[in-house]
């Protein structure tokens, strides 16, 4: 079978959804002698995994929702995560529902100073700068200045009087934009397309069911074992019935899947069903 690491990770994720005895027989049939490592070898390797092409931006937020210092350290070092989120990590701000802070810092971040390129709020304050937006570049700059503690104020201001369209687009593409606020912005016909372009996904279940390519999706989800363990069951609940129904105990169906996996352009459910049908 293809020795590519992503292929191995994708196959491993699917095998974890099969019965243990079936998984053993499939590994024997495919001569798979080892599983991928349970976690990344280092913080920097983990950050590279998360930064790779094809990984949706929302993965970072699923990671932050774990409110674990080791995972937060990885997110801190991901390219493009943004100065405000880096600052919130250093201040121990929790991102999970109902969590309380401050959270402990990982040893590797304890001597880290706050980002020097931290976006300022501007003279008009967070809401004032958002209301003054007339171009997309302004919108991105104003949205980048919104901290975790500012979202309630932003939501209240938009409810009182809708913010400018460019400001709303920029806020919606923030990975930590509250779900209720993002849904309020979703009345534009292009909203779903723009969110997809920005890598914003409603949750791991939606990602598992609708995104492509199958190898990219499954390998990202396999990283969820260490990256977003609290959200991974949402994706498993989508894929498990398909694995057990279309692949099941049929080792030939699993063999077909491994042949299709590296170049299959459809979604993970399409790959699973197609493999079963061919076998």
Foldseek 3Di string as FASTA:
>chain_A
DDPDPLLLLLLVLLLVLFPPVLSVVLCVVVVPDDHPDLADPDLVRLLCLCQDPPRFPLLLLLLQQVLDQSLLSSSLPRPPLAQQSVVCSLQQPGQHPPDDDNRDHDPVCPPPDRDPPQQDQDPLGLQGQQQPDDDLVSLLSSLSNDHPVCQVVNQVVCVVPNTDLSVLLNNLLNSSRDPVSNVVNQPDPCSVVSNVVSRHDPALCCLQPADDDASSSSSSLSNCSPRNVPRSVSNSVNCSVLSCPQPNSPSQLVVQLSVCRVPRTGHNSVSSNVSSVVD
